[in-house]
C-alpha atoms as a PDB file:
ATOM      1  CA  TYR A   1       0.186   0.175   0.372  1.00  0.00           C
ATOM      2  CA  TRP A   2       0.916   3.611  -0.530  1.00  0.00           C
ATOM      3  CA  LEU A   3       0.578   4.516   2.675  1.00  0.00           C
ATOM      4  CA  ASP A   4       3.336   1.859   3.954  1.00  0.00           C
ATOM      5  CA  LEU A   5       5.646   3.703   1.685  1.00  0.00           C
ATOM      6  CA  MET A   6       5.942   7.206   3.321  1.00  0.00           C
ATOM      7  CA  GLY A   7       8.590   8.190   5.419  1.00  0.00           C
ATOM      8  CA  LEU A   8      10.618   5.477   3.724  1.00  0.00           C
ATOM      9  CA  THR A   9      14.574   6.498   3.308  1.00  0.00           C
ATOM     10  CA  VAL A  10      15.072   6.019  -0.240  1.00  0.00           C
ATOM     11  CA  ILE A  11      19.246   5.453  -0.910  1.00  0.00           C
ATOM     12  CA  ASN A  12      20.497   4.115  -4.010  1.00  0.00           C
ATOM     13  CA  LEU A  13      22.014   0.470  -5.536  1.00  0.00           C
ATOM     14  CA  GLU A  14      25.860   3.352  -4.474  1.00  0.00           C
ATOM     15  CA  GLY A  15      24.444   3.719  -0.710  1.00  0.00           C
ATOM     16  CA  GLN A  16      23.855   7.671  -1.144  1.00  0.00           C
ATOM     17  CA  THR A  17      21.124   8.749   0.784  1.00  0.00           C
ATOM     18  CA  LEU A  18      18.261   9.994  -2.054  1.00  0.00           C
ATOM     19  CA  GLY A  19      15.329  11.431   0.609  1.00  0.00           C
ATOM     20  CA  LYS A  20      12.523  10.430   2.405  1.00  0.00           C
ATOM     21  CA  ILE A  21       9.077   9.821   0.417  1.00  0.00           C
ATOM     22  CA  GLU A  22       7.177  12.452   0.808  1.00  0.00           C
ATOM     23  CA  ASP A  23       3.973  12.161  -1.580  1.00  0.00           C
ATOM     24  CA  ILE A  24       2.964   9.664  -4.514  1.00  0.00           C
ATOM     25  CA  PHE A  25       1.017  10.373  -7.323  1.00  0.00           C
ATOM     26  CA  GLU A  26      -0.124   8.397 -10.775  1.00  0.00           C
ATOM     27  CA  THR A  27       0.404   9.136 -14.179  1.00  0.00           C
ATOM     28  CA  GLY A  28      -1.464   7.477 -17.094  1.00  0.00           C
ATOM     29  CA  ALA A  29       2.086   5.337 -17.560  1.00  0.00           C
ATOM     30  CA  ASN A  30       3.267   4.320 -14.150  1.00  0.00           C
ATOM     31  CA  ASP A  31       3.121   5.736 -10.198  1.00  0.00           C
ATOM     32  CA  VAL A  32       5.908   8.566  -9.060  1.00  0.00           C
ATOM     33  CA  LEU A  33       7.682   8.525  -5.982  1.00  0.00           C
ATOM     34  CA  VAL A  34       7.749  12.033  -4.606  1.00  0.00           C
ATOM     35  CA  VAL A  35      11.673  11.862  -2.244  1.00  0.00           C
ATOM     36  CA  LYS A  36      12.438  15.009  -0.535  1.00  0.00           C
ATOM     37  CA  GLY A  37      16.142  15.392   1.013  1.00  0.00           C
ATOM     38  CA  GLU A  38      19.191  17.360   1.182  1.00  0.00           C
ATOM     39  CA  HIS A  39      19.263  16.979  -2.567  1.00  0.00           C
ATOM     40  CA  GLY A  40      16.275  18.730  -3.801  1.00  0.00           C
ATOM     41  CA  GLU A  41      12.900  17.286  -5.026  1.00  0.00           C
ATOM     42  CA  ILE A  42      13.395  14.088  -6.911  1.00  0.00           C
ATOM     43  CA  LEU A  43      10.857  12.216  -8.801  1.00  0.00           C
ATOM     44  CA  ILE A  44      11.205   8.135  -9.295  1.00  0.00           C
ATOM     45  CA  PRO A  45       8.998   6.621 -11.575  1.00  0.00           C
ATOM     46  CA  TYR A  46       7.736   3.509  -8.893  1.00  0.00           C
ATOM     47  CA  SER A  47       8.794   0.429 -11.050  1.00  0.00           C
ATOM     48  CA  VAL A  48       9.272  -2.457  -9.060  1.00  0.00           C
ATOM     49  CA  GLU A  49      10.675  -4.121 -12.301  1.00  0.00           C
ATOM     50  CA  TYR A  50      13.337  -1.986 -13.309  1.00  0.00           C
ATOM     51  CA  ILE A  51      13.264   0.853 -10.701  1.00  0.00           C
ATOM     52  CA  VAL A  52      13.110  -0.276  -6.992  1.00  0.00           C
ATOM     53  CA  ASP A  53      15.277  -3.315  -5.749  1.00  0.00           C
ATOM     54  CA  GLU A  54      14.369  -3.643  -1.985  1.00  0.00           C
ATOM     55  CA  ILE A  55      11.384  -2.360  -0.253  1.00  0.00           C
ATOM     56  CA  ASN A  56      12.159  -3.016   3.426  1.00  0.00           C
ATOM     57  CA  LEU A  57       9.553  -2.030   6.424  1.00  0.00           C
ATOM     58  CA  THR A  58      10.885  -3.100   8.900  1.00  0.00           C
ATOM     59  CA  GLU A  59      14.181  -1.064   8.664  1.00  0.00           C
ATOM     60  CA  GLY A  60      12.472   1.698   6.664  1.00  0.00           C
ATOM     61  CA  PHE A  61      13.990   1.828   3.482  1.00  0.00           C
ATOM     62  CA  MET A  62      13.581   1.429  -0.177  1.00  0.00           C
ATOM     63  CA  ARG A  63      16.531   0.771  -2.505  1.00  0.00           C
ATOM     64  CA  VAL A  64      16.025   2.008  -5.680  1.00  0.00           C
ATOM     65  CA  ASP A  65      18.503   2.117  -9.442  1.00  0.00           C
ATOM     66  CA  TRP A  66      18.400   5.464  -9.695  1.00  0.00           C
ATOM     67  CA  GLU A  67      21.638   7.882  -9.739  1.00  0.00           C
ATOM     68  CA  LEU A  68      22.202  11.385  -8.721  1.00  0.00           C
ATOM     69  CA  GLU A  69      22.659  13.966 -11.085  1.00  0.00           C
END
């Protein structure tokens, strides 16, 4: 559920913290995570097949295949 994802810390495969999930919204193609942190606001497509590597609700993080620009 989206509610379970709110507030999770988002890290990438390199171990960099991107921020926390502040919002999620739907588009015609897919859902989008709104991640806010020290790097500003980052919009990440929520695709379990291609972007999301791991969701760990117990530890409070989501690992994504997404690079800081």
